[in-house]
Amino acid sequence: MPFVTHPNKIEYEQEGKILAEITFPALDETTVNIDHTFVDDALRGQGVAGRLMELTVEELEKTGRKAVATCSYAKKWMEKNPEQAQKVKR
């Protein structure tokens, strides 16, 4: 599944329609807020939201940024994946 990474968003688009995305706007130069995760019904149950979180952790590590999470899914994912979350958690 080809995800596209932008500075503060990762998305999966098909035929011009966004089917999955995660947004993490900057709070300051070194911290982002993971505030939104969306997966279209057609992709639910396939681990897409978890993959978006994994890609977000990779992107934040690569750019040296940390994260807070206000998105309920992101909070739960971080609790269930503490080793990954520790890499970027502020």
PDB file of N, CA and C in Angstrom:
ATOM      1  N   MET A   1       0.854  -1.176   0.000  1.00  0.00           N
ATOM      2  CA  MET A   1       0.000   0.000   0.000  1.00  0.00           C
ATOM      3  C   MET A   1       0.895   1.232   0.000  1.00  0.00           C
ATOM      4  N   PRO A   2       0.818   2.069  -1.001  1.00  0.00           N
ATOM      5  CA  PRO A   2       1.708   3.239  -1.096  1.00  0.00           C
ATOM      6  C   PRO A   2       1.221   4.433  -0.264  1.00  0.00           C
ATOM      7  N   PHE A   3       1.889   4.662   0.841  1.00  0.00           N
ATOM      8  CA  PHE A   3       1.595   5.818   1.674  1.00  0.00           C
ATOM      9  C   PHE A   3       2.471   6.978   1.213  1.00  0.00           C
ATOM     10  N   VAL A   4       1.951   8.189   1.315  1.00  0.00           N
ATOM     11  CA  VAL A   4       2.702   9.386   0.948  1.00  0.00           C
ATOM     12  C   VAL A   4       2.938  10.197   2.218  1.00  0.00           C
ATOM     13  N   THR A   5       4.198  10.519   2.471  1.00  0.00           N
ATOM     14  CA  THR A   5       4.565  11.273   3.661  1.00  0.00           C
ATOM     15  C   THR A   5       4.775  12.739   3.311  1.00  0.00           C
ATOM     16  N   HIS A   6       4.110  13.591   4.064  1.00  0.00           N
ATOM     17  CA  HIS A   6       4.257  15.043   3.975  1.00  0.00           C
ATOM     18  C   HIS A   6       4.870  15.499   5.297  1.00  0.00           C
ATOM     19  N   PRO A   7       5.292  16.749   5.427  1.00  0.00           N
ATOM     20  CA  PRO A   7       5.929  17.180   6.674  1.00  0.00           C
ATOM     21  C   PRO A   7       5.096  16.915   7.943  1.00  0.00           C
ATOM     22  N   ASN A   8       3.788  17.045   7.874  1.00  0.00           N
ATOM     23  CA  ASN A   8       2.963  16.867   9.064  1.00  0.00           C
ATOM     24  C   ASN A   8       1.728  16.001   8.799  1.00  0.00           C
ATOM     25  N   LYS A   9       1.856  15.098   7.816  1.00  0.00           N
ATOM     26  CA  LYS A   9       0.737  14.230   7.484  1.00  0.00           C
ATOM     27  C   LYS A   9       1.246  13.052   6.664  1.00  0.00           C
ATOM     28  N   ILE A  10       0.608  11.914   6.869  1.00  0.00           N
ATOM     29  CA  ILE A  10       0.866  10.738   6.032  1.00  0.00           C
ATOM     30  C   ILE A  10      -0.495  10.280   5.535  1.00  0.00           C
ATOM     31  N   GLU A  11      -0.561   9.976   4.240  1.00  0.00           N
ATOM     32  CA  GLU A  11      -1.856   9.603   3.694  1.00  0.00           C
ATOM     33  C   GLU A  11      -1.739   8.489   2.668  1.00  0.00           C
ATOM     34  N   TYR A  12      -2.867   7.831   2.461  1.00  0.00           N
ATOM     35  CA  TYR A  12      -3.010   6.849   1.407  1.00  0.00           C
ATOM     36  C   TYR A  12      -4.167   7.323   0.540  1.00  0.00           C
ATOM     37  N   GLU A  13      -3.879   7.544  -0.729  1.00  0.00           N
ATOM     38  CA  GLU A  13      -4.873   8.057  -1.660  1.00  0.00           C
ATOM     39  C   GLU A  13      -5.036   7.076  -2.805  1.00  0.00           C
ATOM     40  N   GLN A  14      -6.260   6.924  -3.247  1.00  0.00           N
ATOM     41  CA  GLN A  14      -6.531   6.057  -4.384  1.00  0.00           C
ATOM     42  C   GLN A  14      -7.574   6.734  -5.269  1.00  0.00           C
ATOM     43  N   GLU A  15      -7.233   6.891  -6.525  1.00  0.00           N
ATOM     44  CA  GLU A  15      -8.113   7.528  -7.503  1.00  0.00           C
ATOM     45  C   GLU A  15      -8.602   8.896  -7.028  1.00  0.00           C
ATOM     46  N   GLY A  16      -7.694   9.659  -6.442  1.00  0.00           N
ATOM     47  CA  GLY A  16      -8.009  11.014  -6.003  1.00  0.00           C
ATOM     48  C   GLY A  16      -8.750  11.119  -4.688  1.00  0.00           C
ATOM     49  N   LYS A  17      -8.989  10.007  -4.031  1.00  0.00           N
ATOM     50  CA  LYS A  17      -9.712  10.014  -2.765  1.00  0.00           C
ATOM     51  C   LYS A  17      -8.791   9.551  -1.645  1.00  0.00           C
ATOM     52  N   ILE A  18      -8.746  10.318  -0.560  1.00  0.00           N
ATOM     53  CA  ILE A  18      -7.944   9.925   0.599  1.00  0.00           C
ATOM     54  C   ILE A  18      -8.703   8.833   1.344  1.00  0.00           C
ATOM     55  N   LEU A  19      -8.065   7.665   1.452  1.00  0.00           N
ATOM     56  CA  LEU A  19      -8.684   6.531   2.131  1.00  0.00           C
ATOM     57  C   LEU A  19      -8.145   6.319   3.538  1.00  0.00           C
ATOM     58  N   ALA A  20      -7.002   6.915   3.829  1.00  0.00           N
ATOM     59  CA  ALA A  20      -6.429   6.816   5.169  1.00  0.00           C
ATOM     60  C   ALA A  20      -5.458   7.972   5.361  1.00  0.00           C
ATOM     61  N   GLU A  21      -5.432   8.506   6.587  1.00  0.00           N
ATOM     62  CA  GLU A  21      -4.477   9.574   6.876  1.00  0.00           C
ATOM     63  C   GLU A  21      -4.263   9.707   8.374  1.00  0.00           C
ATOM     64  N   ILE A  22      -3.124  10.278   8.684  1.00  0.00           N
ATOM     65  CA  ILE A  22      -2.806  10.658  10.049  1.00  0.00           C
ATOM     66  C   ILE A  22      -2.187  12.050   9.965  1.00  0.00           C
ATOM     67  N   THR A  23      -2.590  12.925  10.872  1.00  0.00           N
ATOM     68  CA  THR A  23      -2.044  14.279  10.866  1.00  0.00           C
ATOM     69  C   THR A  23      -1.336  14.547  12.189  1.00  0.00           C
ATOM     70  N   PHE A  24      -0.245  15.290  12.084  1.00  0.00           N
ATOM     71  CA  PHE A  24       0.547  15.617  13.269  1.00  0.00           C
ATOM     72  C   PHE A  24       1.144  17.018  13.113  1.00  0.00           C
ATOM     73  N   PRO A  25       0.292  18.047  13.306  1.00  0.00           N
ATOM     74  CA  PRO A  25       0.763  19.421  13.174  1.00  0.00           C
ATOM     75  C   PRO A  25       1.799  19.776  14.244  1.00  0.00           C
ATOM     76  N   ALA A  26       2.658  20.705  13.892  1.00  0.00           N
ATOM     77  CA  ALA A  26       3.721  21.140  14.799  1.00  0.00           C
ATOM     78  C   ALA A  26       3.153  21.973  15.949  1.00  0.00           C
ATOM     79  N   LEU A  27       3.637  21.683  17.143  1.00  0.00           N
ATOM     80  CA  LEU A  27       3.345  22.522  18.305  1.00  0.00           C
ATOM     81  C   LEU A  27       4.449  23.550  18.484  1.00  0.00           C
ATOM     82  N   ASP A  28       5.663  23.120  18.170  1.00  0.00           N
ATOM     83  CA  ASP A  28       6.827  24.000  18.159  1.00  0.00           C
ATOM     84  C   ASP A  28       7.846  23.358  17.225  1.00  0.00           C
ATOM     85  N   GLU A  29       9.072  23.813  17.234  1.00  0.00           N
ATOM     86  CA  GLU A  29      10.060  23.303  16.278  1.00  0.00           C
ATOM     87  C   GLU A  29      10.412  21.832  16.468  1.00  0.00           C
ATOM     88  N   THR A  30      10.210  21.311  17.687  1.00  0.00           N
ATOM     89  CA  THR A  30      10.632  19.935  17.956  1.00  0.00           C
ATOM     90  C   THR A  30       9.506  19.003  18.386  1.00  0.00           C
ATOM     91  N   THR A  31       8.284  19.510  18.460  1.00  0.00           N
ATOM     92  CA  THR A  31       7.174  18.708  18.956  1.00  0.00           C
ATOM     93  C   THR A  31       5.962  18.813  18.041  1.00  0.00           C
ATOM     94  N   VAL A  32       5.333  17.661  17.803  1.00  0.00           N
ATOM     95  CA  VAL A  32       4.089  17.623  17.029  1.00  0.00           C
ATOM     96  C   VAL A  32       2.974  17.058  17.903  1.00  0.00           C
ATOM     97  N   ASN A  33       1.744  17.274  17.451  1.00  0.00           N
ATOM     98  CA  ASN A  33       0.568  16.731  18.109  1.00  0.00           C
ATOM     99  C   ASN A  33      -0.102  15.754  17.143  1.00  0.00           C
ATOM    100  N   ILE A  34      -0.080  14.470  17.464  1.00  0.00           N
ATOM    101  CA  ILE A  34      -0.795  13.505  16.641  1.00  0.00           C
ATOM    102  C   ILE A  34      -2.269  13.681  16.997  1.00  0.00           C
ATOM    103  N   ASP A  35      -2.985  14.364  16.109  1.00  0.00           N
ATOM    104  CA  ASP A  35      -4.337  14.798  16.460  1.00  0.00           C
ATOM    105  C   ASP A  35      -5.460  14.152  15.661  1.00  0.00           C
ATOM    106  N   HIS A  36      -5.129  13.366  14.648  1.00  0.00           N
ATOM    107  CA  HIS A  36      -6.193  12.827  13.805  1.00  0.00           C
ATOM    108  C   HIS A  36      -5.712  11.589  13.067  1.00  0.00           C
ATOM    109  N   THR A  37      -6.510  10.528  13.150  1.00  0.00           N
ATOM    110  CA  THR A  37      -6.266   9.310  12.378  1.00  0.00           C
ATOM    111  C   THR A  37      -7.576   8.932  11.711  1.00  0.00           C
ATOM    112  N   PHE A  38      -7.508   8.675  10.420  1.00  0.00           N
ATOM    113  CA  PHE A  38      -8.712   8.309   9.666  1.00  0.00           C
ATOM    114  C   PHE A  38      -8.408   7.123   8.773  1.00  0.00           C
ATOM    115  N   VAL A  39      -9.309   6.149   8.771  1.00  0.00           N
ATOM    116  CA  VAL A  39      -9.233   5.025   7.854  1.00  0.00           C
ATOM    117  C   VAL A  39     -10.635   4.802   7.290  1.00  0.00           C
ATOM    118  N   ASP A  40     -10.757   4.821   5.986  1.00  0.00           N
ATOM    119  CA  ASP A  40     -12.030   4.592   5.321  1.00  0.00           C
ATOM    120  C   ASP A  40     -12.558   3.202   5.670  1.00  0.00           C
ATOM    121  N   ASP A  41     -13.872   3.085   5.709  1.00  0.00           N
ATOM    122  CA  ASP A  41     -14.498   1.799   6.029  1.00  0.00           C
ATOM    123  C   ASP A  41     -13.980   0.655   5.157  1.00  0.00           C
ATOM    124  N   ALA A  42     -13.670   0.941   3.908  1.00  0.00           N
ATOM    125  CA  ALA A  42     -13.206  -0.098   2.976  1.00  0.00           C
ATOM    126  C   ALA A  42     -11.876  -0.720   3.410  1.00  0.00           C
ATOM    127  N   LEU A  43     -11.115  -0.017   4.242  1.00  0.00           N
ATOM    128  CA  LEU A  43      -9.802  -0.507   4.666  1.00  0.00           C
ATOM    129  C   LEU A  43      -9.764  -0.941   6.130  1.00  0.00           C
ATOM    130  N   ARG A  44     -10.864  -0.795   6.832  1.00  0.00           N
ATOM    131  CA  ARG A  44     -10.883  -1.122   8.263  1.00  0.00           C
ATOM    132  C   ARG A  44     -10.584  -2.589   8.485  1.00  0.00           C
ATOM    133  N   GLY A  45      -9.943  -2.871   9.606  1.00  0.00           N
ATOM    134  CA  GLY A  45      -9.627  -4.241   9.972  1.00  0.00           C
ATOM    135  C   GLY A  45      -8.408  -4.818   9.276  1.00  0.00           C
ATOM    136  N   GLN A  46      -7.666  -3.981   8.549  1.00  0.00           N
ATOM    137  CA  GLN A  46      -6.491  -4.447   7.815  1.00  0.00           C
ATOM    138  C   GLN A  46      -5.179  -3.942   8.419  1.00  0.00           C
ATOM    139  N   GLY A  47      -5.255  -3.313   9.591  1.00  0.00           N
ATOM    140  CA  GLY A  47      -4.049  -2.819  10.248  1.00  0.00           C
ATOM    141  C   GLY A  47      -3.529  -1.508   9.690  1.00  0.00           C
ATOM    142  N   VAL A  48      -4.356  -0.799   8.941  1.00  0.00           N
ATOM    143  CA  VAL A  48      -3.910   0.432   8.294  1.00  0.00           C
ATOM    144  C   VAL A  48      -3.609   1.532   9.317  1.00  0.00           C
ATOM    145  N   ALA A  49      -4.456   1.691  10.326  1.00  0.00           N
ATOM    146  CA  ALA A  49      -4.215   2.730  11.332  1.00  0.00           C
ATOM    147  C   ALA A  49      -2.908   2.467  12.079  1.00  0.00           C
ATOM    148  N   GLY A  50      -2.652   1.209  12.404  1.00  0.00           N
ATOM    149  CA  GLY A  50      -1.390   0.865  13.062  1.00  0.00           C
ATOM    150  C   GLY A  50      -0.196   1.152  12.177  1.00  0.00           C
ATOM    151  N   ARG A  51      -0.341   0.867  10.903  1.00  0.00           N
ATOM    152  CA  ARG A  51       0.752   1.156   9.957  1.00  0.00           C
ATOM    153  C   ARG A  51       0.994   2.654   9.868  1.00  0.00           C
ATOM    154  N   LEU A  52      -0.084   3.451   9.892  1.00  0.00           N
ATOM    155  CA  LEU A  52       0.078   4.906   9.887  1.00  0.00           C
ATOM    156  C   LEU A  52       0.873   5.363  11.113  1.00  0.00           C
ATOM    157  N   MET A  53       0.601   4.765  12.256  1.00  0.00           N
ATOM    158  CA  MET A  53       1.347   5.129  13.466  1.00  0.00           C
ATOM    159  C   MET A  53       2.811   4.728  13.344  1.00  0.00           C
ATOM    160  N   GLU A  54       3.067   3.537  12.817  1.00  0.00           N
ATOM    161  CA  GLU A  54       4.455   3.102  12.634  1.00  0.00           C
ATOM    162  C   GLU A  54       5.210   4.055  11.711  1.00  0.00           C
ATOM    163  N   LEU A  55       4.575   4.436  10.630  1.00  0.00           N
ATOM    164  CA  LEU A  55       5.204   5.370   9.687  1.00  0.00           C
ATOM    165  C   LEU A  55       5.423   6.738  10.324  1.00  0.00           C
ATOM    166  N   THR A  56       4.496   7.151  11.175  1.00  0.00           N
ATOM    167  CA  THR A  56       4.651   8.435  11.873  1.00  0.00           C
ATOM    168  C   THR A  56       5.851   8.379  12.805  1.00  0.00           C
ATOM    169  N   VAL A  57       5.991   7.290  13.549  1.00  0.00           N
ATOM    170  CA  VAL A  57       7.152   7.135  14.435  1.00  0.00           C
ATOM    171  C   VAL A  57       8.439   7.194  13.614  1.00  0.00           C
ATOM    172  N   GLU A  58       8.479   6.504  12.488  1.00  0.00           N
ATOM    173  CA  GLU A  58       9.664   6.532  11.622  1.00  0.00           C
ATOM    174  C   GLU A  58       9.964   7.947  11.150  1.00  0.00           C
ATOM    175  N   GLU A  59       8.939   8.658  10.718  1.00  0.00           N
ATOM    176  CA  GLU A  59       9.126  10.031  10.225  1.00  0.00           C
ATOM    177  C   GLU A  59       9.620  10.959  11.334  1.00  0.00           C
ATOM    178  N   LEU A  60       9.040  10.838  12.515  1.00  0.00           N
ATOM    179  CA  LEU A  60       9.453  11.704  13.627  1.00  0.00           C
ATOM    180  C   LEU A  60      10.877  11.385  14.070  1.00  0.00           C
ATOM    181  N   GLU A  61      11.226  10.119  14.087  1.00  0.00           N
ATOM    182  CA  GLU A  61      12.604   9.741  14.419  1.00  0.00           C
ATOM    183  C   GLU A  61      13.579  10.331  13.408  1.00  0.00           C
ATOM    184  N   LYS A  62      13.223  10.196  12.143  1.00  0.00           N
ATOM    185  CA  LYS A  62      14.086  10.674  11.057  1.00  0.00           C
ATOM    186  C   LYS A  62      14.295  12.191  11.134  1.00  0.00           C
ATOM    187  N   THR A  63      13.266  12.911  11.554  1.00  0.00           N
ATOM    188  CA  THR A  63      13.346  14.379  11.599  1.00  0.00           C
ATOM    189  C   THR A  63      13.675  14.909  12.989  1.00  0.00           C
ATOM    190  N   GLY A  64      13.910  14.012  13.947  1.00  0.00           N
ATOM    191  CA  GLY A  64      14.315  14.425  15.287  1.00  0.00           C
ATOM    192  C   GLY A  64      13.220  15.115  16.086  1.00  0.00           C
ATOM    193  N   ARG A  65      11.969  14.780  15.798  1.00  0.00           N
ATOM    194  CA  ARG A  65      10.868  15.417  16.525  1.00  0.00           C
ATOM    195  C   ARG A  65      10.245  14.441  17.519  1.00  0.00           C
ATOM    196  N   LYS A  66       9.576  15.000  18.523  1.00  0.00           N
ATOM    197  CA  LYS A  66       8.847  14.237  19.525  1.00  0.00           C
ATOM    198  C   LYS A  66       7.360  14.499  19.331  1.00  0.00           C
ATOM    199  N   ALA A  67       6.521  13.715  20.027  1.00  0.00           N
ATOM    200  CA  ALA A  67       5.083  13.841  19.831  1.00  0.00           C
ATOM    201  C   ALA A  67       4.314  13.760  21.141  1.00  0.00           C
ATOM    202  N   VAL A  68       3.189  14.455  21.132  1.00  0.00           N
ATOM    203  CA  VAL A  68       2.126  14.238  22.095  1.00  0.00           C
ATOM    204  C   VAL A  68       0.951  13.747  21.265  1.00  0.00           C
ATOM    205  N   ALA A  69       0.022  13.083  21.899  1.00  0.00           N
ATOM    206  CA  ALA A  69      -1.119  12.556  21.145  1.00  0.00           C
ATOM    207  C   ALA A  69      -2.418  13.025  21.783  1.00  0.00           C
ATOM    208  N   THR A  70      -3.255  13.644  20.970  1.00  0.00           N
ATOM    209  CA  THR A  70      -4.603  13.983  21.425  1.00  0.00           C
ATOM    210  C   THR A  70      -5.643  13.131  20.699  1.00  0.00           C
ATOM    211  N   CYS A  71      -5.239  12.439  19.659  1.00  0.00           N
ATOM    212  CA  CYS A  71      -6.117  11.509  18.944  1.00  0.00           C
ATOM    213  C   CYS A  71      -6.302  10.267  19.821  1.00  0.00           C
ATOM    214  N   SER A  72      -7.547   9.840  20.011  1.00  0.00           N
ATOM    215  CA  SER A  72      -7.801   8.694  20.887  1.00  0.00           C
ATOM    216  C   SER A  72      -7.128   7.419  20.376  1.00  0.00           C
ATOM    217  N   TYR A  73      -7.122   7.207  19.061  1.00  0.00           N
ATOM    218  CA  TYR A  73      -6.460   6.014  18.524  1.00  0.00           C
ATOM    219  C   TYR A  73      -4.957   6.071  18.797  1.00  0.00           C
ATOM    220  N   ALA A  74      -4.343   7.220  18.551  1.00  0.00           N
ATOM    221  CA  ALA A  74      -2.899   7.359  18.769  1.00  0.00           C
ATOM    222  C   ALA A  74      -2.544   7.119  20.232  1.00  0.00           C
ATOM    223  N   LYS A  75      -3.355   7.623  21.146  1.00  0.00           N
ATOM    224  CA  LYS A  75      -3.105   7.391  22.579  1.00  0.00           C
ATOM    225  C   LYS A  75      -3.129   5.900  22.895  1.00  0.00           C
ATOM    226  N   LYS A  76      -4.153   5.197  22.410  1.00  0.00           N
ATOM    227  CA  LYS A  76      -4.278   3.762  22.677  1.00  0.00           C
ATOM    228  C   LYS A  76      -3.119   2.986  22.045  1.00  0.00           C
ATOM    229  N   TRP A  77      -2.748   3.369  20.812  1.00  0.00           N
ATOM    230  CA  TRP A  77      -1.646   2.694  20.132  1.00  0.00           C
ATOM    231  C   TRP A  77      -0.366   2.858  20.929  1.00  0.00           C
ATOM    232  N   MET A  78      -0.118   4.062  21.433  1.00  0.00           N
ATOM    233  CA  MET A  78       1.107   4.307  22.213  1.00  0.00           C
ATOM    234  C   MET A  78       1.115   3.478  23.495  1.00  0.00           C
ATOM    235  N   GLU A  79      -0.050   3.314  24.120  1.00  0.00           N
ATOM    236  CA  GLU A  79      -0.129   2.485  25.325  1.00  0.00           C
ATOM    237  C   GLU A  79       0.156   1.019  25.000  1.00  0.00           C
ATOM    238  N   LYS A  80      -0.337   0.544  23.854  1.00  0.00           N
ATOM    239  CA  LYS A  80      -0.163  -0.852  23.469  1.00  0.00           C
ATOM    240  C   LYS A  80       1.208  -1.141  22.861  1.00  0.00           C
ATOM    241  N   ASN A  81       1.914  -0.104  22.439  1.00  0.00           N
ATOM    242  CA  ASN A  81       3.224  -0.243  21.794  1.00  0.00           C
ATOM    243  C   ASN A  81       4.243   0.664  22.476  1.00  0.00           C
ATOM    244  N   PRO A  82       4.496   0.438  23.766  1.00  0.00           N
ATOM    245  CA  PRO A  82       5.361   1.358  24.512  1.00  0.00           C
ATOM    246  C   PRO A  82       6.786   1.481  23.976  1.00  0.00           C
ATOM    247  N   GLU A  83       7.332   0.403  23.436  1.00  0.00           N
ATOM    248  CA  GLU A  83       8.700   0.487  22.914  1.00  0.00           C
ATOM    249  C   GLU A  83       8.777   1.446  21.725  1.00  0.00           C
ATOM    250  N   GLN A  84       7.795   1.350  20.829  1.00  0.00           N
ATOM    251  CA  GLN A  84       7.751   2.262  19.691  1.00  0.00           C
ATOM    252  C   GLN A  84       7.466   3.681  20.169  1.00  0.00           C
ATOM    253  N   ALA A  85       6.495   3.824  21.068  1.00  0.00           N
ATOM    254  CA  ALA A  85       6.090   5.145  21.543  1.00  0.00           C
ATOM    255  C   ALA A  85       7.235   5.877  22.234  1.00  0.00           C
ATOM    256  N   GLN A  86       8.045   5.126  23.006  1.00  0.00           N
ATOM    257  CA  GLN A  86       9.167   5.752  23.712  1.00  0.00           C
ATOM    258  C   GLN A  86      10.137   6.464  22.784  1.00  0.00           C
ATOM    259  N   LYS A  87      10.207   6.017  21.554  1.00  0.00           N
ATOM    260  CA  LYS A  87      11.126   6.624  20.588  1.00  0.00           C
ATOM    261  C   LYS A  87      10.762   8.071  20.289  1.00  0.00           C
ATOM    262  N   VAL A  88       9.473   8.392  20.393  1.00  0.00           N
ATOM    263  CA  VAL A  88       9.040   9.737  19.987  1.00  0.00           C
ATOM    264  C   VAL A  88       8.209  10.471  21.039  1.00  0.00           C
ATOM    265  N   LYS A  89       7.865   9.796  22.126  1.00  0.00           N
ATOM    266  CA  LYS A  89       6.986  10.415  23.117  1.00  0.00           C
ATOM    267  C   LYS A  89       7.700  11.537  23.863  1.00  0.00           C
ATOM    268  N   ARG A  90       6.996  12.642  23.974  1.00  0.00           N
ATOM    269  CA  ARG A  90       7.566  13.779  24.711  1.00  0.00           C
ATOM    270  C   ARG A  90       7.261  13.630  26.163  1.00  0.00           C
TER     271      ARG A  90
END
